[in-house]
N, C-alpha and C. Protein backbone atom coordinates (compact mmCIF):
# COMPACT_ATOMS: atom_id res chain seq x y z
N MET A 1 -28.68 -51.72 -14.92
CA MET A 1 -28.35 -52.15 -16.26
C MET A 1 -29.47 -51.72 -17.21
N GLU A 2 -29.10 -51.20 -18.34
CA GLU A 2 -30.07 -50.71 -19.31
C GLU A 2 -30.79 -51.87 -20.00
N ILE A 3 -32.09 -51.69 -20.26
CA ILE A 3 -32.90 -52.74 -20.87
C ILE A 3 -32.36 -53.16 -22.24
N LYS A 4 -31.78 -52.21 -22.96
CA LYS A 4 -31.22 -52.50 -24.27
C LYS A 4 -30.05 -53.47 -24.18
N THR A 5 -29.33 -53.42 -23.09
CA THR A 5 -28.20 -54.33 -22.88
C THR A 5 -28.71 -55.74 -22.56
N ILE A 6 -29.76 -55.81 -21.77
CA ILE A 6 -30.33 -57.10 -21.40
C ILE A 6 -31.02 -57.75 -22.59
N LEU A 7 -31.87 -56.98 -23.27
CA LEU A 7 -32.63 -57.51 -24.41
C LEU A 7 -31.86 -57.25 -25.70
N HIS A 8 -30.81 -58.01 -25.91
CA HIS A 8 -30.04 -57.88 -27.14
C HIS A 8 -30.42 -59.04 -28.05
N PRO A 9 -30.74 -58.77 -29.33
CA PRO A 9 -31.19 -59.84 -30.23
C PRO A 9 -30.21 -61.00 -30.33
N LYS A 10 -28.93 -60.71 -30.33
CA LYS A 10 -27.92 -61.77 -30.42
C LYS A 10 -28.05 -62.74 -29.25
N LYS A 11 -28.08 -62.20 -28.04
CA LYS A 11 -28.19 -63.04 -26.84
C LYS A 11 -29.52 -63.78 -26.82
N MET A 12 -30.58 -63.08 -27.19
CA MET A 12 -31.92 -63.68 -27.13
C MET A 12 -32.06 -64.82 -28.14
N LEU A 13 -31.62 -64.60 -29.38
CA LEU A 13 -31.74 -65.65 -30.40
C LEU A 13 -30.89 -66.86 -30.06
N ILE A 14 -29.66 -66.62 -29.62
CA ILE A 14 -28.79 -67.75 -29.27
C ILE A 14 -29.34 -68.49 -28.05
N GLY A 15 -29.72 -67.77 -27.01
CA GLY A 15 -30.24 -68.40 -25.80
C GLY A 15 -31.52 -69.18 -26.04
N PHE A 16 -32.47 -68.56 -26.73
CA PHE A 16 -33.74 -69.22 -27.03
C PHE A 16 -33.51 -70.42 -27.95
N GLY A 17 -32.66 -70.24 -28.96
CA GLY A 17 -32.37 -71.33 -29.89
C GLY A 17 -31.74 -72.53 -29.20
N VAL A 18 -30.76 -72.29 -28.33
CA VAL A 18 -30.10 -73.39 -27.61
C VAL A 18 -31.10 -74.08 -26.68
N PHE A 19 -31.88 -73.29 -25.94
CA PHE A 19 -32.89 -73.86 -25.03
C PHE A 19 -33.86 -74.76 -25.79
N MET A 20 -34.37 -74.27 -26.91
CA MET A 20 -35.35 -75.04 -27.66
C MET A 20 -34.71 -76.22 -28.39
N LEU A 21 -33.46 -76.09 -28.81
CA LEU A 21 -32.76 -77.24 -29.38
C LEU A 21 -32.63 -78.35 -28.35
N LEU A 22 -32.29 -78.00 -27.12
CA LEU A 22 -32.20 -79.01 -26.05
C LEU A 22 -33.56 -79.65 -25.79
N MET A 23 -34.61 -78.83 -25.77
CA MET A 23 -35.96 -79.38 -25.59
C MET A 23 -36.30 -80.35 -26.72
N SER A 24 -35.91 -79.99 -27.94
CA SER A 24 -36.18 -80.85 -29.09
C SER A 24 -35.40 -82.16 -29.00
N VAL A 25 -34.16 -82.10 -28.55
CA VAL A 25 -33.37 -83.32 -28.38
C VAL A 25 -34.06 -84.26 -27.39
N PHE A 26 -34.54 -83.71 -26.27
CA PHE A 26 -35.26 -84.53 -25.31
C PHE A 26 -36.55 -85.08 -25.92
N GLY A 27 -37.20 -84.30 -26.77
CA GLY A 27 -38.41 -84.77 -27.45
C GLY A 27 -38.14 -85.94 -28.38
N VAL A 28 -37.01 -85.91 -29.07
CA VAL A 28 -36.64 -87.00 -29.97
C VAL A 28 -36.24 -88.23 -29.16
N ILE A 29 -35.48 -88.03 -28.10
CA ILE A 29 -34.98 -89.15 -27.29
C ILE A 29 -36.11 -89.84 -26.53
N ASP A 30 -37.03 -89.07 -25.97
CA ASP A 30 -38.09 -89.64 -25.12
C ASP A 30 -39.46 -89.10 -25.53
N GLY A 31 -39.93 -89.55 -26.69
CA GLY A 31 -41.22 -89.10 -27.21
C GLY A 31 -42.39 -89.46 -26.32
N ASP A 32 -42.31 -90.61 -25.63
CA ASP A 32 -43.40 -91.02 -24.73
C ASP A 32 -43.60 -90.00 -23.61
N GLN A 33 -42.51 -89.61 -22.97
CA GLN A 33 -42.61 -88.66 -21.87
C GLN A 33 -43.05 -87.29 -22.38
N MET A 34 -42.54 -86.89 -23.54
CA MET A 34 -42.92 -85.59 -24.10
C MET A 34 -44.42 -85.58 -24.42
N ALA A 35 -44.93 -86.68 -24.94
CA ALA A 35 -46.37 -86.75 -25.24
C ALA A 35 -47.19 -86.63 -23.96
N GLU A 36 -46.78 -87.32 -22.91
CA GLU A 36 -47.50 -87.22 -21.64
C GLU A 36 -47.43 -85.81 -21.07
N ASP A 37 -46.25 -85.19 -21.16
CA ASP A 37 -46.09 -83.83 -20.64
C ASP A 37 -46.94 -82.83 -21.42
N MET A 38 -47.01 -82.99 -22.72
CA MET A 38 -47.70 -82.01 -23.55
C MET A 38 -49.22 -82.21 -23.58
N TRP A 39 -49.66 -83.44 -23.61
CA TRP A 39 -51.09 -83.69 -23.82
C TRP A 39 -51.79 -84.27 -22.59
N GLY A 40 -51.05 -84.63 -21.56
CA GLY A 40 -51.65 -85.23 -20.38
C GLY A 40 -51.62 -86.75 -20.50
N ALA A 41 -51.32 -87.44 -19.42
CA ALA A 41 -51.16 -88.89 -19.45
C ALA A 41 -52.42 -89.61 -19.90
N ASP A 42 -53.59 -89.06 -19.59
CA ASP A 42 -54.85 -89.72 -19.97
C ASP A 42 -55.28 -89.39 -21.39
N ASN A 43 -54.53 -88.56 -22.10
CA ASN A 43 -54.90 -88.14 -23.45
C ASN A 43 -53.88 -88.58 -24.49
N VAL A 44 -53.05 -89.57 -24.16
CA VAL A 44 -51.99 -90.00 -25.07
C VAL A 44 -52.45 -91.23 -25.85
N ALA A 45 -52.48 -91.09 -27.16
CA ALA A 45 -52.83 -92.21 -28.03
C ALA A 45 -51.55 -92.97 -28.40
N GLU A 46 -51.72 -94.12 -29.07
CA GLU A 46 -50.60 -94.98 -29.39
C GLU A 46 -49.55 -94.29 -30.27
N HIS A 47 -49.98 -93.46 -31.18
CA HIS A 47 -49.06 -92.83 -32.13
C HIS A 47 -48.47 -91.50 -31.63
N ASP A 48 -48.85 -91.04 -30.46
CA ASP A 48 -48.44 -89.71 -30.00
C ASP A 48 -46.95 -89.59 -29.71
N ALA A 49 -46.31 -90.66 -29.25
CA ALA A 49 -44.86 -90.60 -29.00
C ALA A 49 -44.12 -90.34 -30.31
N GLU A 50 -44.51 -91.04 -31.36
CA GLU A 50 -43.88 -90.84 -32.67
C GLU A 50 -44.18 -89.44 -33.20
N TYR A 51 -45.39 -88.97 -32.97
CA TYR A 51 -45.76 -87.61 -33.39
C TYR A 51 -44.86 -86.59 -32.69
N GLU A 52 -44.67 -86.73 -31.40
CA GLU A 52 -43.83 -85.78 -30.65
C GLU A 52 -42.37 -85.86 -31.10
N GLN A 53 -41.89 -87.07 -31.39
CA GLN A 53 -40.52 -87.21 -31.88
C GLN A 53 -40.34 -86.51 -33.23
N MET A 54 -41.29 -86.71 -34.13
CA MET A 54 -41.20 -86.08 -35.45
C MET A 54 -41.36 -84.57 -35.35
N TRP A 55 -42.25 -84.11 -34.48
CA TRP A 55 -42.44 -82.67 -34.29
C TRP A 55 -41.15 -82.05 -33.75
N ALA A 56 -40.54 -82.68 -32.77
CA ALA A 56 -39.28 -82.17 -32.20
C ALA A 56 -38.19 -82.15 -33.27
N LEU A 57 -38.11 -83.21 -34.05
CA LEU A 57 -37.10 -83.30 -35.10
C LEU A 57 -37.30 -82.22 -36.15
N HIS A 58 -38.54 -81.98 -36.52
CA HIS A 58 -38.77 -80.99 -37.58
C HIS A 58 -38.65 -79.56 -37.07
N MET A 59 -38.65 -79.35 -35.74
CA MET A 59 -38.43 -78.00 -35.19
C MET A 59 -36.95 -77.67 -35.04
N MET A 60 -36.09 -78.68 -35.02
CA MET A 60 -34.66 -78.45 -34.82
C MET A 60 -34.05 -77.47 -35.82
N PRO A 61 -34.35 -77.57 -37.12
CA PRO A 61 -33.77 -76.59 -38.05
C PRO A 61 -34.16 -75.15 -37.72
N LEU A 62 -35.38 -74.92 -37.29
CA LEU A 62 -35.82 -73.58 -36.92
C LEU A 62 -34.98 -73.03 -35.77
N PHE A 63 -34.77 -73.84 -34.76
CA PHE A 63 -34.00 -73.39 -33.60
C PHE A 63 -32.51 -73.29 -33.93
N GLY A 64 -32.03 -74.18 -34.79
CA GLY A 64 -30.65 -74.07 -35.26
C GLY A 64 -30.43 -72.78 -36.04
N MET A 65 -31.42 -72.39 -36.85
CA MET A 65 -31.31 -71.13 -37.59
C MET A 65 -31.30 -69.93 -36.65
N ALA A 66 -32.02 -70.02 -35.55
CA ALA A 66 -32.01 -68.93 -34.57
C ALA A 66 -30.61 -68.76 -33.99
N VAL A 67 -29.96 -69.87 -33.66
CA VAL A 67 -28.61 -69.81 -33.11
C VAL A 67 -27.63 -69.25 -34.15
N VAL A 68 -27.69 -69.77 -35.36
CA VAL A 68 -26.77 -69.32 -36.42
C VAL A 68 -27.01 -67.85 -36.76
N THR A 69 -28.26 -67.43 -36.80
CA THR A 69 -28.57 -66.02 -37.05
C THR A 69 -27.95 -65.14 -35.97
N GLY A 70 -28.11 -65.55 -34.72
CA GLY A 70 -27.52 -64.79 -33.62
C GLY A 70 -26.00 -64.72 -33.70
N LEU A 71 -25.39 -65.77 -34.21
CA LEU A 71 -23.93 -65.81 -34.30
C LEU A 71 -23.38 -65.04 -35.50
N LEU A 72 -24.08 -65.08 -36.64
CA LEU A 72 -23.51 -64.55 -37.88
C LEU A 72 -24.04 -63.20 -38.33
N VAL A 73 -25.26 -62.86 -37.97
CA VAL A 73 -25.86 -61.61 -38.45
C VAL A 73 -25.62 -60.52 -37.41
N GLN A 74 -25.42 -59.28 -37.88
CA GLN A 74 -25.12 -58.19 -36.96
C GLN A 74 -25.98 -56.96 -37.26
N GLY A 75 -26.00 -56.05 -36.31
CA GLY A 75 -26.58 -54.73 -36.49
C GLY A 75 -28.05 -54.71 -36.86
N LYS A 76 -28.38 -53.85 -37.82
CA LYS A 76 -29.76 -53.63 -38.23
C LYS A 76 -30.40 -54.91 -38.78
N ALA A 77 -29.63 -55.68 -39.55
CA ALA A 77 -30.16 -56.93 -40.11
C ALA A 77 -30.52 -57.92 -39.01
N LEU A 78 -29.71 -57.98 -37.97
CA LEU A 78 -30.00 -58.87 -36.84
C LEU A 78 -31.29 -58.45 -36.16
N ALA A 79 -31.46 -57.15 -35.96
CA ALA A 79 -32.69 -56.64 -35.34
C ALA A 79 -33.90 -56.98 -36.19
N GLN A 80 -33.78 -56.83 -37.50
CA GLN A 80 -34.89 -57.14 -38.40
C GLN A 80 -35.22 -58.63 -38.38
N MET A 81 -34.19 -59.47 -38.37
CA MET A 81 -34.41 -60.91 -38.30
C MET A 81 -35.10 -61.30 -36.99
N ALA A 82 -34.70 -60.66 -35.90
CA ALA A 82 -35.31 -60.96 -34.59
C ALA A 82 -36.78 -60.58 -34.59
N MET A 83 -37.11 -59.41 -35.14
CA MET A 83 -38.51 -58.99 -35.18
C MET A 83 -39.33 -59.92 -36.08
N ALA A 84 -38.79 -60.29 -37.23
CA ALA A 84 -39.51 -61.19 -38.15
C ALA A 84 -39.71 -62.57 -37.52
N ALA A 85 -38.66 -63.12 -36.92
CA ALA A 85 -38.77 -64.44 -36.29
C ALA A 85 -39.81 -64.43 -35.19
N SER A 86 -39.81 -63.39 -34.39
CA SER A 86 -40.78 -63.27 -33.30
C SER A 86 -42.20 -63.24 -33.85
N ALA A 87 -42.42 -62.43 -34.87
CA ALA A 87 -43.76 -62.33 -35.46
C ALA A 87 -44.21 -63.67 -36.03
N PHE A 88 -43.32 -64.36 -36.75
CA PHE A 88 -43.69 -65.64 -37.34
C PHE A 88 -44.05 -66.67 -36.28
N VAL A 89 -43.25 -66.75 -35.23
CA VAL A 89 -43.53 -67.72 -34.17
C VAL A 89 -44.86 -67.40 -33.49
N LEU A 90 -45.07 -66.14 -33.17
CA LEU A 90 -46.30 -65.75 -32.46
C LEU A 90 -47.54 -65.94 -33.32
N VAL A 91 -47.47 -65.58 -34.60
CA VAL A 91 -48.64 -65.69 -35.48
C VAL A 91 -48.91 -67.13 -35.87
N PHE A 92 -47.90 -67.82 -36.41
CA PHE A 92 -48.14 -69.15 -36.95
C PHE A 92 -48.19 -70.24 -35.89
N MET A 93 -47.26 -70.21 -34.93
CA MET A 93 -47.28 -71.23 -33.89
C MET A 93 -48.24 -70.86 -32.78
N GLY A 94 -48.17 -69.62 -32.34
CA GLY A 94 -49.04 -69.18 -31.24
C GLY A 94 -50.48 -69.07 -31.66
N GLY A 95 -50.71 -68.46 -32.80
CA GLY A 95 -52.08 -68.27 -33.26
C GLY A 95 -52.62 -69.47 -34.00
N GLY A 96 -52.01 -69.75 -35.14
CA GLY A 96 -52.51 -70.80 -36.02
C GLY A 96 -52.49 -72.19 -35.44
N MET A 97 -51.32 -72.64 -35.01
CA MET A 97 -51.19 -74.00 -34.52
C MET A 97 -52.01 -74.23 -33.25
N MET A 98 -51.94 -73.29 -32.33
CA MET A 98 -52.69 -73.48 -31.09
C MET A 98 -54.20 -73.47 -31.35
N TYR A 99 -54.64 -72.62 -32.25
CA TYR A 99 -56.07 -72.59 -32.61
C TYR A 99 -56.49 -73.92 -33.22
N LEU A 100 -55.73 -74.40 -34.19
CA LEU A 100 -56.10 -75.64 -34.88
C LEU A 100 -56.05 -76.85 -33.95
N THR A 101 -55.05 -76.93 -33.08
CA THR A 101 -55.00 -78.09 -32.18
C THR A 101 -56.13 -78.05 -31.16
N ASN A 102 -56.48 -76.87 -30.68
CA ASN A 102 -57.60 -76.77 -29.74
C ASN A 102 -58.93 -77.05 -30.42
N GLU A 103 -59.09 -76.62 -31.67
CA GLU A 103 -60.32 -76.87 -32.42
C GLU A 103 -60.54 -78.36 -32.65
N SER A 104 -59.45 -79.11 -32.82
CA SER A 104 -59.56 -80.53 -33.10
C SER A 104 -59.57 -81.37 -31.83
N GLY A 105 -59.58 -80.72 -30.66
CA GLY A 105 -59.58 -81.46 -29.41
C GLY A 105 -58.23 -82.01 -29.03
N TYR A 106 -57.18 -81.50 -29.67
CA TYR A 106 -55.83 -81.99 -29.41
C TYR A 106 -55.02 -80.92 -28.70
N GLY A 107 -55.68 -80.18 -27.83
CA GLY A 107 -55.03 -79.07 -27.13
C GLY A 107 -54.03 -79.55 -26.11
N SER A 108 -53.06 -78.71 -25.82
CA SER A 108 -51.99 -79.05 -24.89
C SER A 108 -52.41 -78.81 -23.45
N SER A 109 -51.96 -79.68 -22.58
CA SER A 109 -52.20 -79.47 -21.15
C SER A 109 -51.03 -78.72 -20.52
N SER A 110 -50.03 -78.42 -21.32
CA SER A 110 -48.82 -77.77 -20.82
C SER A 110 -48.85 -76.26 -21.10
N GLN A 111 -49.80 -75.56 -20.48
CA GLN A 111 -49.96 -74.13 -20.72
C GLN A 111 -48.77 -73.32 -20.21
N THR A 112 -48.15 -73.73 -19.13
CA THR A 112 -47.01 -72.98 -18.58
C THR A 112 -45.86 -72.93 -19.58
N LEU A 113 -45.55 -74.06 -20.19
CA LEU A 113 -44.47 -74.10 -21.18
C LEU A 113 -44.81 -73.22 -22.37
N MET A 114 -46.05 -73.26 -22.81
CA MET A 114 -46.46 -72.43 -23.95
C MET A 114 -46.33 -70.94 -23.61
N ILE A 115 -46.72 -70.56 -22.42
CA ILE A 115 -46.61 -69.16 -21.99
C ILE A 115 -45.15 -68.73 -21.98
N ILE A 116 -44.27 -69.60 -21.49
CA ILE A 116 -42.83 -69.28 -21.46
C ILE A 116 -42.30 -69.11 -22.88
N ILE A 117 -42.62 -70.05 -23.75
CA ILE A 117 -42.11 -69.99 -25.13
C ILE A 117 -42.61 -68.75 -25.85
N PHE A 118 -43.90 -68.45 -25.74
CA PHE A 118 -44.43 -67.30 -26.46
C PHE A 118 -44.00 -65.98 -25.83
N SER A 119 -43.78 -65.97 -24.53
CA SER A 119 -43.25 -64.76 -23.88
C SER A 119 -41.81 -64.50 -24.34
N LEU A 120 -41.01 -65.55 -24.40
CA LEU A 120 -39.64 -65.39 -24.89
C LEU A 120 -39.63 -64.95 -26.35
N SER A 121 -40.55 -65.49 -27.14
CA SER A 121 -40.65 -65.08 -28.54
C SER A 121 -41.00 -63.60 -28.65
N ALA A 122 -41.92 -63.15 -27.83
CA ALA A 122 -42.29 -61.73 -27.83
C ALA A 122 -41.10 -60.87 -27.40
N LEU A 123 -40.35 -61.32 -26.41
CA LEU A 123 -39.17 -60.57 -25.96
C LEU A 123 -38.09 -60.49 -27.05
N ILE A 124 -37.99 -61.52 -27.88
CA ILE A 124 -37.06 -61.46 -29.01
C ILE A 124 -37.48 -60.34 -29.96
N GLY A 125 -38.78 -60.22 -30.20
CA GLY A 125 -39.28 -59.13 -31.04
C GLY A 125 -39.00 -57.77 -30.43
N VAL A 126 -39.20 -57.64 -29.14
CA VAL A 126 -38.91 -56.38 -28.44
C VAL A 126 -37.42 -56.07 -28.53
N ALA A 127 -36.58 -57.08 -28.36
CA ALA A 127 -35.13 -56.89 -28.47
C ALA A 127 -34.77 -56.38 -29.86
N GLY A 128 -35.37 -56.97 -30.88
CA GLY A 128 -35.13 -56.51 -32.24
C GLY A 128 -35.56 -55.07 -32.43
N TYR A 129 -36.72 -54.73 -31.89
CA TYR A 129 -37.22 -53.36 -32.02
C TYR A 129 -36.30 -52.36 -31.32
N LEU A 130 -35.81 -52.71 -30.15
CA LEU A 130 -34.91 -51.81 -29.42
C LEU A 130 -33.61 -51.54 -30.18
N HIS A 131 -33.22 -52.47 -31.03
CA HIS A 131 -31.96 -52.35 -31.78
C HIS A 131 -32.20 -52.11 -33.27
N LYS A 132 -33.41 -51.70 -33.64
CA LYS A 132 -33.79 -51.59 -35.05
C LYS A 132 -32.95 -50.61 -35.86
N ASP A 133 -32.32 -49.65 -35.21
CA ASP A 133 -31.50 -48.67 -35.92
C ASP A 133 -30.07 -49.14 -36.13
N GLY A 134 -29.75 -50.31 -35.62
CA GLY A 134 -28.41 -50.87 -35.80
C GLY A 134 -27.32 -50.05 -35.13
N ASP A 135 -27.68 -49.35 -34.06
CA ASP A 135 -26.73 -48.45 -33.41
C ASP A 135 -25.63 -49.16 -32.65
N ASP A 136 -25.69 -50.48 -32.58
CA ASP A 136 -24.63 -51.21 -31.88
C ASP A 136 -23.76 -52.00 -32.85
N GLU A 137 -23.78 -51.60 -34.14
CA GLU A 137 -22.95 -52.27 -35.13
C GLU A 137 -21.47 -51.95 -34.88
N PRO A 138 -20.61 -52.92 -35.13
CA PRO A 138 -19.18 -52.65 -34.98
C PRO A 138 -18.72 -51.61 -35.99
N GLU A 139 -17.69 -50.86 -35.64
CA GLU A 139 -17.17 -49.84 -36.55
C GLU A 139 -16.65 -50.51 -37.81
N GLY A 140 -16.87 -49.85 -38.95
CA GLY A 140 -16.40 -50.37 -40.23
C GLY A 140 -17.41 -51.24 -40.94
N SER A 141 -18.53 -51.60 -40.29
CA SER A 141 -19.55 -52.39 -40.97
C SER A 141 -20.64 -51.46 -41.45
N ALA A 142 -21.14 -51.72 -42.61
CA ALA A 142 -22.26 -50.96 -43.17
C ALA A 142 -22.43 -51.28 -44.61
């Protein structure tokens, strides 16, 4: 199977968006467990469950937009959106947020999850790049 078929921005955005939406729902439903998973059981303060619930809730629109973009946008525009979304997640969440939380001593103990999320984000960018010419647009669109 060709890599371009596997790494398609539509599939990647919808799959990643649905996965992260589900993670966010669990974060809202069980903030205590999410706080323990993310920061370690010995590093959870009284307000951390509420923090995790609010963080999960405020991330839902981002992941919802990923799903809707994958469903509604096509061709070259979809590839461009995938590359932009990937860059924003990697720079602002991967770079900025992780740097600031580690600087303040509020670093995550869940490195495996972070590696998975940022690897998937990078793959979304690669998928966008592979389809940047919009060569898989349906006939009649342009």
